[in-house]
Amino acid sequence: LAELAKISSPPTERLTAEEFEYLRAFGSAMSSMRGGKLSATDAGAAVLAFTKKFPESYHSFEIVEILGSMYTDIGRYDLARQEFEKLANSSVPDIQFRGQFLLGETLLRLGDGPGAETSFQNIISSSQNSAEALRLKTLAQPLLAKSLVLSKNVKEARERVEQIILNENPENQILFANCYNVLGLCDLAEGNLKAAALNFLHTDLLFNSSPDSHAEALYYLTTIWPQLQKNDLAFDARESLQSLYRNSIWAQKLNK
């Protein structure tokens, strides 16, 4: 954004102008979602302005994903779902595959366990085998288990996640953060607060490189620690959540 601001006369040739406007929309969105100076309203206006000006852009799929991510960031999962459904219904296999994954994540946030389960089952059973497809298939495994928790199939969810932890490489921080968060949710569903705290602590202390999963773990720790008479730890978790991820939906949820 700083470099674009130095250009006093924006380009007029169509493709160059399109790229210029895309970069400005992209930069605005990232600034908003990563704690920058731009508000979600201003960033959203920049993205929507691009879609209106260039409705047939070769960046269309990217813009749809960005818009869906921005809606996710402000907790408008209903609108995010509409955007990711566009990707999931694409005729381009790679785009369709990624859209299915993003749609599954959104359905989880909406509390739709069966819908999310269908999306992640589609991902896992897909014949796609690119490096990115294989990465998403791996990440879909604990998210499928998370959808099972929502559907009250806690025993199966736990078994699936424990198998992943046994077989996969713990250097995959995002994967293991999701796994331990799911185990924490299983423990909460069974009323075992101490076990839940321990599992969310795994994410907090060992697998904290994934912002969304780390924020989720901190959120649950702020709710669990007071029930275990650990108010000092609850304060620490709250402070970490608000300082590290103040714009996240988890921090917003905490303040409601």
C-alpha atoms as a PDB file:
ATOM      1  CA  LEU A   1       0.000   0.000   0.000  1.00  0.00           C
ATOM      2  CA  ALA A   2       2.865   2.356   0.798  1.00  0.00           C
ATOM      3  CA  GLU A   3       4.456   1.724  -2.594  1.00  0.00           C
ATOM      4  CA  LEU A   4       1.162   2.101  -4.442  1.00  0.00           C
ATOM      5  CA  ALA A   5       0.581   5.424  -2.705  1.00  0.00           C
ATOM      6  CA  LYS A   6       3.752   6.754  -4.347  1.00  0.00           C
ATOM      7  CA  ILE A   7       2.178   6.403  -7.800  1.00  0.00           C
ATOM      8  CA  SER A   8       0.696   9.828  -8.509  1.00  0.00           C
ATOM      9  CA  SER A   9      -0.867   8.852 -11.851  1.00  0.00           C
ATOM     10  CA  PRO A  10      -2.520   5.411 -11.727  1.00  0.00           C
ATOM     11  CA  PRO A  11      -2.210   3.385 -14.967  1.00  0.00           C
ATOM     12  CA  THR A  12      -4.978   3.608 -17.556  1.00  0.00           C
ATOM     13  CA  GLU A  13      -4.166   0.597 -19.766  1.00  0.00           C
ATOM     14  CA  ARG A  14      -6.771  -2.002 -18.789  1.00  0.00           C
ATOM     15  CA  LEU A  15      -4.654  -4.954 -17.644  1.00  0.00           C
ATOM     16  CA  THR A  16      -2.181  -2.751 -15.798  1.00  0.00           C
ATOM     17  CA  ALA A  17      -4.998  -0.762 -14.202  1.00  0.00           C
ATOM     18  CA  GLU A  18      -6.662  -4.002 -13.152  1.00  0.00           C
ATOM     19  CA  GLU A  19      -3.471  -5.239 -11.527  1.00  0.00           C
ATOM     20  CA  PHE A  20      -2.983  -1.899  -9.777  1.00  0.00           C
ATOM     21  CA  GLU A  21      -6.501  -1.973  -8.335  1.00  0.00           C
ATOM     22  CA  TYR A  22      -6.187  -5.633  -7.361  1.00  0.00           C
ATOM     23  CA  LEU A  23      -2.999  -4.971  -5.414  1.00  0.00           C
ATOM     24  CA  ARG A  24      -4.666  -2.074  -3.640  1.00  0.00           C
ATOM     25  CA  ALA A  25      -7.689  -4.223  -2.748  1.00  0.00           C
ATOM     26  CA  PHE A  26      -5.474  -7.110  -1.650  1.00  0.00           C
ATOM     27  CA  GLY A  27      -3.243  -4.848   0.453  1.00  0.00           C
ATOM     28  CA  SER A  28      -6.253  -3.217   2.074  1.00  0.00           C
ATOM     29  CA  ALA A  29      -7.770  -6.580   2.991  1.00  0.00           C
ATOM     30  CA  MET A  30      -4.538  -7.923   4.445  1.00  0.00           C
ATOM     31  CA  SER A  31      -3.977  -4.732   6.433  1.00  0.00           C
ATOM     32  CA  SER A  32      -7.416  -5.026   7.954  1.00  0.00           C
ATOM     33  CA  MET A  33      -7.202  -8.739   8.766  1.00  0.00           C
ATOM     34  CA  ARG A  34      -3.667  -8.587  10.184  1.00  0.00           C
ATOM     35  CA  GLY A  35      -4.124  -5.740  12.613  1.00  0.00           C
ATOM     36  CA  GLY A  36      -3.067  -2.896  10.318  1.00  0.00           C
ATOM     37  CA  LYS A  37      -4.407   0.651  10.219  1.00  0.00           C
ATOM     38  CA  LEU A  38      -7.286   0.069   7.817  1.00  0.00           C
ATOM     39  CA  SER A  39     -10.692  -0.748   9.249  1.00  0.00           C
ATOM     40  CA  ALA A  40     -12.694  -3.705   7.981  1.00  0.00           C
ATOM     41  CA  THR A  41     -15.233  -1.251   6.542  1.00  0.00           C
ATOM     42  CA  ASP A  42     -12.652   0.649   4.479  1.00  0.00           C
ATOM     43  CA  ALA A  43     -10.911  -2.519   3.343  1.00  0.00           C
ATOM     44  CA  GLY A  44     -14.201  -4.117   2.403  1.00  0.00           C
ATOM     45  CA  ALA A  45     -15.127  -1.058   0.370  1.00  0.00           C
ATOM     46  CA  ALA A  46     -11.850  -1.349  -1.563  1.00  0.00           C
ATOM     47  CA  VAL A  47     -12.448  -5.026  -2.327  1.00  0.00           C
ATOM     48  CA  LEU A  48     -16.072  -4.510  -3.374  1.00  0.00           C
ATOM     49  CA  ALA A  49     -15.043  -1.560  -5.557  1.00  0.00           C
ATOM     50  CA  PHE A  50     -12.641  -3.845  -7.396  1.00  0.00           C
ATOM     51  CA  THR A  51     -15.315  -6.479  -8.011  1.00  0.00           C
ATOM     52  CA  LYS A  52     -17.675  -3.870  -9.449  1.00  0.00           C
ATOM     53  CA  LYS A  53     -15.031  -2.298 -11.669  1.00  0.00           C
ATOM     54  CA  PHE A  54     -13.591  -5.591 -12.928  1.00  0.00           C
ATOM     55  CA  PRO A  55     -16.385  -8.194 -12.738  1.00  0.00           C
ATOM     56  CA  GLU A  56     -14.603 -10.500 -15.215  1.00  0.00           C
ATOM     57  CA  SER A  57     -11.138 -10.145 -13.679  1.00  0.00           C
ATOM     58  CA  TYR A  58      -8.625 -12.970 -13.879  1.00  0.00           C
ATOM     59  CA  HIS A  59      -8.277 -12.327 -10.119  1.00  0.00           C
ATOM     60  CA  SER A  60     -11.940 -13.196  -9.548  1.00  0.00           C
ATOM     61  CA  PHE A  61     -11.328 -16.405  -7.590  1.00  0.00           C
ATOM     62  CA  GLU A  62      -8.725 -14.718  -5.395  1.00  0.00           C
ATOM     63  CA  ILE A  63     -11.054 -11.784  -4.696  1.00  0.00           C
ATOM     64  CA  VAL A  64     -13.906 -14.140  -3.762  1.00  0.00           C
ATOM     65  CA  GLU A  65     -11.632 -15.915  -1.280  1.00  0.00           C
ATOM     66  CA  ILE A  66     -10.399 -12.612   0.141  1.00  0.00           C
ATOM     67  CA  LEU A  67     -13.956 -11.369   0.560  1.00  0.00           C
ATOM     68  CA  GLY A  68     -14.976 -14.616   2.257  1.00  0.00           C
ATOM     69  CA  SER A  69     -11.990 -14.358   4.593  1.00  0.00           C
ATOM     70  CA  MET A  70     -12.905 -10.778   5.489  1.00  0.00           C
ATOM     71  CA  TYR A  71     -16.464 -11.798   6.299  1.00  0.00           C
ATOM     72  CA  THR A  72     -15.042 -14.608   8.433  1.00  0.00           C
ATOM     73  CA  ASP A  73     -12.800 -12.121  10.219  1.00  0.00           C
ATOM     74  CA  ILE A  74     -15.766 -10.010  11.343  1.00  0.00           C
ATOM     75  CA  GLY A  75     -17.909 -12.995  12.249  1.00  0.00           C
ATOM     76  CA  ARG A  76     -20.303 -12.803   9.279  1.00  0.00           C
ATOM     77  CA  TYR A  77     -20.082 -16.510   8.552  1.00  0.00           C
ATOM     78  CA  ASP A  78     -23.370 -16.438   6.670  1.00  0.00           C
ATOM     79  CA  LEU A  79     -21.868 -14.086   4.088  1.00  0.00           C
ATOM     80  CA  ALA A  80     -18.550 -15.960   4.086  1.00  0.00           C
ATOM     81  CA  ARG A  81     -20.465 -19.128   3.282  1.00  0.00           C
ATOM     82  CA  GLN A  82     -21.970 -17.509   0.187  1.00  0.00           C
ATOM     83  CA  GLU A  83     -18.520 -16.545  -1.102  1.00  0.00           C
ATOM     84  CA  PHE A  84     -16.900 -19.913  -0.452  1.00  0.00           C
ATOM     85  CA  GLU A  85     -19.832 -21.713  -2.059  1.00  0.00           C
ATOM     86  CA  LYS A  86     -18.945 -19.852  -5.264  1.00  0.00           C
ATOM     87  CA  LEU A  87     -15.486 -21.424  -5.128  1.00  0.00           C
ATOM     88  CA  ALA A  88     -16.806 -24.874  -4.170  1.00  0.00           C
ATOM     89  CA  ASN A  89     -19.121 -24.775  -7.199  1.00  0.00           C
ATOM     90  CA  SER A  90     -16.372 -23.741  -9.609  1.00  0.00           C
ATOM     91  CA  SER A  91     -15.713 -25.812 -12.720  1.00  0.00           C
ATOM     92  CA  VAL A  92     -11.955 -25.509 -12.066  1.00  0.00           C
ATOM     93  CA  PRO A  93     -10.921 -28.583  -9.994  1.00  0.00           C
ATOM     94  CA  ASP A  94      -8.224 -26.844  -7.911  1.00  0.00           C
ATOM     95  CA  ILE A  95     -10.504 -23.911  -7.104  1.00  0.00           C
ATOM     96  CA  GLN A  96     -13.404 -26.249  -6.327  1.00  0.00           C
ATOM     97  CA  PHE A  97     -11.193 -28.280  -3.989  1.00  0.00           C
ATOM     98  CA  ARG A  98      -9.992 -25.233  -2.046  1.00  0.00           C
ATOM     99  CA  GLY A  99     -13.513 -23.830  -1.948  1.00  0.00           C
ATOM    100  CA  GLN A 100     -14.793 -27.065  -0.438  1.00  0.00           C
ATOM    101  CA  PHE A 101     -12.181 -26.820   2.316  1.00  0.00           C
ATOM    102  CA  LEU A 102     -12.971 -23.172   3.097  1.00  0.00           C
ATOM    103  CA  LEU A 103     -16.687 -23.949   3.042  1.00  0.00           C
ATOM    104  CA  GLY A 104     -16.141 -26.760   5.535  1.00  0.00           C
ATOM    105  CA  GLU A 105     -14.308 -24.399   7.891  1.00  0.00           C
ATOM    106  CA  THR A 106     -17.162 -21.906   7.613  1.00  0.00           C
ATOM    107  CA  LEU A 107     -19.803 -24.540   8.303  1.00  0.00           C
ATOM    108  CA  LEU A 108     -17.866 -25.471  11.441  1.00  0.00           C
ATOM    109  CA  ARG A 109     -18.015 -21.848  12.559  1.00  0.00           C
ATOM    110  CA  LEU A 110     -21.755 -21.837  11.865  1.00  0.00           C
ATOM    111  CA  GLY A 111     -22.135 -24.915  14.060  1.00  0.00           C
ATOM    112  CA  ASP A 112     -23.265 -27.106  11.157  1.00  0.00           C
ATOM    113  CA  GLY A 113     -21.565 -30.384  12.067  1.00  0.00           C
ATOM    114  CA  PRO A 114     -23.194 -32.589   9.397  1.00  0.00           C
ATOM    115  CA  GLY A 115     -22.583 -30.020   6.653  1.00  0.00           C
ATOM    116  CA  ALA A 116     -18.933 -29.594   7.634  1.00  0.00           C
ATOM    117  CA  GLU A 117     -18.524 -33.365   7.841  1.00  0.00           C
ATOM    118  CA  THR A 118     -19.750 -33.714   4.247  1.00  0.00           C
ATOM    119  CA  SER A 119     -17.319 -31.050   3.036  1.00  0.00           C
ATOM    120  CA  PHE A 120     -14.307 -32.602   4.746  1.00  0.00           C
ATOM    121  CA  GLN A 121     -15.262 -36.115   3.664  1.00  0.00           C
ATOM    122  CA  ASN A 122     -15.347 -34.803   0.093  1.00  0.00           C
ATOM    123  CA  ILE A 123     -11.876 -33.339   0.573  1.00  0.00           C
ATOM    124  CA  ILE A 124     -10.394 -36.499   2.045  1.00  0.00           C
ATOM    125  CA  SER A 125     -11.928 -38.829  -0.561  1.00  0.00           C
ATOM    126  CA  SER A 126     -10.997 -36.585  -3.508  1.00  0.00           C
ATOM    127  CA  SER A 127      -8.636 -37.876  -6.198  1.00  0.00           C
ATOM    128  CA  GLN A 128      -6.728 -34.571  -6.190  1.00  0.00           C
ATOM    129  CA  ASN A 129      -3.063 -35.252  -5.416  1.00  0.00           C
ATOM    130  CA  SER A 130      -1.133 -32.006  -5.900  1.00  0.00           C
ATOM    131  CA  ALA A 131       1.090 -30.850  -3.044  1.00  0.00           C
ATOM    132  CA  GLU A 132      -1.536 -28.307  -1.977  1.00  0.00           C
ATOM    133  CA  ALA A 133      -4.325 -30.890  -2.213  1.00  0.00           C
ATOM    134  CA  LEU A 134      -2.389 -33.325  -0.043  1.00  0.00           C
ATOM    135  CA  ARG A 135      -1.736 -30.555   2.502  1.00  0.00           C
ATOM    136  CA  LEU A 136      -5.439 -29.717   2.697  1.00  0.00           C
ATOM    137  CA  LYS A 137      -6.386 -33.395   2.910  1.00  0.00           C
ATOM    138  CA  THR A 138      -4.150 -33.732   5.959  1.00  0.00           C
ATOM    139  CA  LEU A 139      -5.583 -30.602   7.581  1.00  0.00           C
ATOM    140  CA  ALA A 140      -9.107 -31.816   6.839  1.00  0.00           C
ATOM    141  CA  GLN A 141      -8.627 -34.847   9.096  1.00  0.00           C
ATOM    142  CA  PRO A 142      -8.848 -33.062  12.493  1.00  0.00           C
ATOM    143  CA  LEU A 143     -11.479 -30.682  11.114  1.00  0.00           C
ATOM    144  CA  LEU A 144     -13.588 -33.690  10.188  1.00  0.00           C
ATOM    145  CA  ALA A 145     -13.174 -34.841  13.786  1.00  0.00           C
ATOM    146  CA  LYS A 146     -14.240 -31.376  14.959  1.00  0.00           C
ATOM    147  CA  SER A 147     -17.419 -31.682  12.909  1.00  0.00           C
ATOM    148  CA  LEU A 148     -18.066 -35.011  14.638  1.00  0.00           C
ATOM    149  CA  VAL A 149     -17.848 -33.289  18.034  1.00  0.00           C
ATOM    150  CA  LEU A 150     -20.530 -30.850  16.885  1.00  0.00           C
ATOM    151  CA  SER A 151     -22.645 -33.831  15.848  1.00  0.00           C
ATOM    152  CA  LYS A 152     -22.153 -35.407  19.312  1.00  0.00           C
ATOM    153  CA  ASN A 153     -19.955 -38.227  17.980  1.00  0.00           C
ATOM    154  CA  VAL A 154     -17.275 -37.485  20.560  1.00  0.00           C
ATOM    155  CA  LYS A 155     -15.853 -41.005  20.847  1.00  0.00           C
ATOM    156  CA  GLU A 156     -15.207 -41.283  17.104  1.00  0.00           C
ATOM    157  CA  ALA A 157     -13.769 -37.759  17.005  1.00  0.00           C
ATOM    158  CA  ARG A 158     -11.294 -38.565  19.773  1.00  0.00           C
ATOM    159  CA  GLU A 159     -10.220 -41.831  18.147  1.00  0.00           C
ATOM    160  CA  ARG A 160      -9.603 -40.093  14.822  1.00  0.00           C
ATOM    161  CA  VAL A 161      -7.504 -37.335  16.376  1.00  0.00           C
ATOM    162  CA  GLU A 162      -5.477 -39.671  18.574  1.00  0.00           C
ATOM    163  CA  GLN A 163      -4.635 -41.694  15.446  1.00  0.00           C
ATOM    164  CA  ILE A 164      -3.449 -38.544  13.662  1.00  0.00           C
ATOM    165  CA  ILE A 165      -1.211 -37.591  16.602  1.00  0.00           C
ATOM    166  CA  LEU A 166       0.214 -41.107  16.602  1.00  0.00           C
ATOM    167  CA  ASN A 167       0.979 -41.199  12.881  1.00  0.00           C
ATOM    168  CA  GLU A 168       1.773 -37.646  11.774  1.00  0.00           C
ATOM    169  CA  ASN A 169       4.818 -35.413  12.230  1.00  0.00           C
ATOM    170  CA  PRO A 170       4.443 -32.942  15.138  1.00  0.00           C
ATOM    171  CA  GLU A 171       6.473 -30.421  13.153  1.00  0.00           C
ATOM    172  CA  ASN A 172       3.222 -29.776  11.297  1.00  0.00           C
ATOM    173  CA  GLN A 173       2.179 -27.094  13.769  1.00  0.00           C
ATOM    174  CA  ILE A 174      -1.158 -26.235  12.184  1.00  0.00           C
ATOM    175  CA  LEU A 175      -2.203 -29.886  12.087  1.00  0.00           C
ATOM    176  CA  PHE A 176      -1.261 -30.580  15.695  1.00  0.00           C
ATOM    177  CA  ALA A 177      -2.796 -27.344  16.962  1.00  0.00           C
ATOM    178  CA  ASN A 178      -6.088 -28.403  15.398  1.00  0.00           C
ATOM    179  CA  CYS A 179      -5.716 -31.892  16.859  1.00  0.00           C
ATOM    180  CA  TYR A 180      -5.183 -30.727  20.435  1.00  0.00           C
ATOM    181  CA  ASN A 181      -7.986 -28.185  20.152  1.00  0.00           C
ATOM    182  CA  VAL A 182     -10.328 -30.960  19.040  1.00  0.00           C
ATOM    183  CA  LEU A 183      -9.223 -33.108  21.975  1.00  0.00           C
ATOM    184  CA  GLY A 184      -9.942 -30.138  24.246  1.00  0.00           C
ATOM    185  CA  LEU A 185     -13.431 -29.879  22.781  1.00  0.00           C
ATOM    186  CA  CYS A 186     -13.947 -33.607  23.313  1.00  0.00           C
ATOM    187  CA  ASP A 187     -12.962 -33.188  26.967  1.00  0.00           C
ATOM    188  CA  LEU A 188     -15.341 -30.250  27.378  1.00  0.00           C
ATOM    189  CA  ALA A 189     -18.161 -32.284  25.851  1.00  0.00           C
ATOM    190  CA  GLU A 190     -17.459 -34.979  28.453  1.00  0.00           C
ATOM    191  CA  GLY A 191     -17.149 -32.492  31.323  1.00  0.00           C
ATOM    192  CA  ASN A 192     -13.459 -33.117  31.970  1.00  0.00           C
ATOM    193  CA  LEU A 193     -12.129 -29.595  32.547  1.00  0.00           C
ATOM    194  CA  LYS A 194      -8.618 -30.556  33.663  1.00  0.00           C
ATOM    195  CA  ALA A 195      -8.004 -32.696  30.601  1.00  0.00           C
ATOM    196  CA  ALA A 196      -9.440 -29.945  28.387  1.00  0.00           C
ATOM    197  CA  ALA A 197      -7.094 -27.360  29.903  1.00  0.00           C
ATOM    198  CA  LEU A 198      -4.121 -29.672  29.332  1.00  0.00           C
ATOM    199  CA  ASN A 199      -4.992 -30.188  25.675  1.00  0.00           C
ATOM    200  CA  PHE A 200      -5.559 -26.494  24.986  1.00  0.00           C
ATOM    201  CA  LEU A 201      -2.233 -25.830  26.733  1.00  0.00           C
ATOM    202  CA  HIS A 202      -0.550 -28.074  24.168  1.00  0.00           C
ATOM    203  CA  THR A 203      -1.677 -25.644  21.486  1.00  0.00           C
ATOM    204  CA  ASP A 204      -0.812 -22.590  23.573  1.00  0.00           C
ATOM    205  CA  LEU A 205       2.672 -23.675  24.545  1.00  0.00           C
ATOM    206  CA  LEU A 206       3.833 -26.090  21.834  1.00  0.00           C
ATOM    207  CA  PHE A 207       1.840 -25.495  18.631  1.00  0.00           C
ATOM    208  CA  ASN A 208       1.133 -21.773  18.682  1.00  0.00           C
ATOM    209  CA  SER A 209       2.300 -20.769  15.190  1.00  0.00           C
ATOM    210  CA  SER A 210      -1.241 -20.994  13.782  1.00  0.00           C
ATOM    211  CA  PRO A 211      -2.989 -17.729  14.783  1.00  0.00           C
ATOM    212  CA  ASP A 212      -6.576 -18.962  14.537  1.00  0.00           C
ATOM    213  CA  SER A 213      -5.941 -22.218  16.425  1.00  0.00           C
ATOM    214  CA  HIS A 214      -3.850 -20.442  19.061  1.00  0.00           C
ATOM    215  CA  ALA A 215      -6.539 -17.790  19.549  1.00  0.00           C
ATOM    216  CA  GLU A 216      -9.149 -20.539  19.876  1.00  0.00           C
ATOM    217  CA  ALA A 217      -7.098 -22.337  22.520  1.00  0.00           C
ATOM    218  CA  LEU A 218      -6.551 -19.114  24.489  1.00  0.00           C
ATOM    219  CA  TYR A 219     -10.268 -18.370  24.363  1.00  0.00           C
ATOM    220  CA  TYR A 220     -11.174 -21.732  25.857  1.00  0.00           C
ATOM    221  CA  LEU A 221      -8.456 -21.416  28.497  1.00  0.00           C
ATOM    222  CA  THR A 222      -9.954 -18.106  29.640  1.00  0.00           C
ATOM    223  CA  THR A 223     -13.260 -19.904  30.195  1.00  0.00           C
ATOM    224  CA  ILE A 224     -11.820 -23.074  31.768  1.00  0.00           C
ATOM    225  CA  TRP A 225      -9.287 -21.666  34.253  1.00  0.00           C
ATOM    226  CA  PRO A 226     -11.823 -19.790  36.441  1.00  0.00           C
ATOM    227  CA  GLN A 227     -13.804 -23.025  36.830  1.00  0.00           C
ATOM    228  CA  LEU A 228     -10.627 -24.655  38.126  1.00  0.00           C
ATOM    229  CA  GLN A 229      -9.961 -21.755  40.537  1.00  0.00           C
ATOM    230  CA  LYS A 230      -6.983 -20.602  38.436  1.00  0.00           C
ATOM    231  CA  ASN A 231      -7.913 -16.956  38.018  1.00  0.00           C
ATOM    232  CA  ASP A 232      -4.304 -15.855  37.530  1.00  0.00           C
ATOM    233  CA  LEU A 233      -3.923 -18.218  34.577  1.00  0.00           C
ATOM    234  CA  ALA A 234      -7.257 -17.038  33.200  1.00  0.00           C
ATOM    235  CA  PHE A 235      -5.970 -13.450  33.348  1.00  0.00           C
ATOM    236  CA  ASP A 236      -2.776 -14.442  31.523  1.00  0.00           C
ATOM    237  CA  ALA A 237      -4.733 -16.242  28.786  1.00  0.00           C
ATOM    238  CA  ARG A 238      -7.058 -13.268  28.363  1.00  0.00           C
ATOM    239  CA  GLU A 239      -4.129 -10.851  28.129  1.00  0.00           C
ATOM    240  CA  SER A 240      -2.406 -13.034  25.533  1.00  0.00           C
ATOM    241  CA  LEU A 241      -5.570 -13.326  23.461  1.00  0.00           C
ATOM    242  CA  GLN A 242      -6.260  -9.605  23.493  1.00  0.00           C
ATOM    243  CA  SER A 243      -2.670  -8.553  22.818  1.00  0.00           C
ATOM    244  CA  LEU A 244      -1.824 -11.120  20.136  1.00  0.00           C
ATOM    245  CA  TYR A 245      -5.167 -11.491  18.371  1.00  0.00           C
ATOM    246  CA  ARG A 246      -7.215  -8.440  19.307  1.00  0.00           C
ATOM    247  CA  ASN A 247      -8.988  -8.418  15.921  1.00  0.00           C
ATOM    248  CA  SER A 248      -9.803 -12.121  15.936  1.00  0.00           C
ATOM    249  CA  ILE A 249     -13.313 -13.457  16.300  1.00  0.00           C
ATOM    250  CA  TRP A 250     -12.136 -15.268  19.450  1.00  0.00           C
ATOM    251  CA  ALA A 251     -11.163 -12.004  21.144  1.00  0.00           C
ATOM    252  CA  GLN A 252     -14.457 -10.451  20.057  1.00  0.00           C
ATOM    253  CA  LYS A 253     -16.337 -13.465  21.400  1.00  0.00           C
ATOM    254  CA  LEU A 254     -14.572 -13.074  24.729  1.00  0.00           C
ATOM    255  CA  ASN A 255     -15.754  -9.479  25.056  1.00  0.00           C
ATOM    256  CA  LYS A 256     -19.421 -10.204  24.305  1.00  0.00           C
END
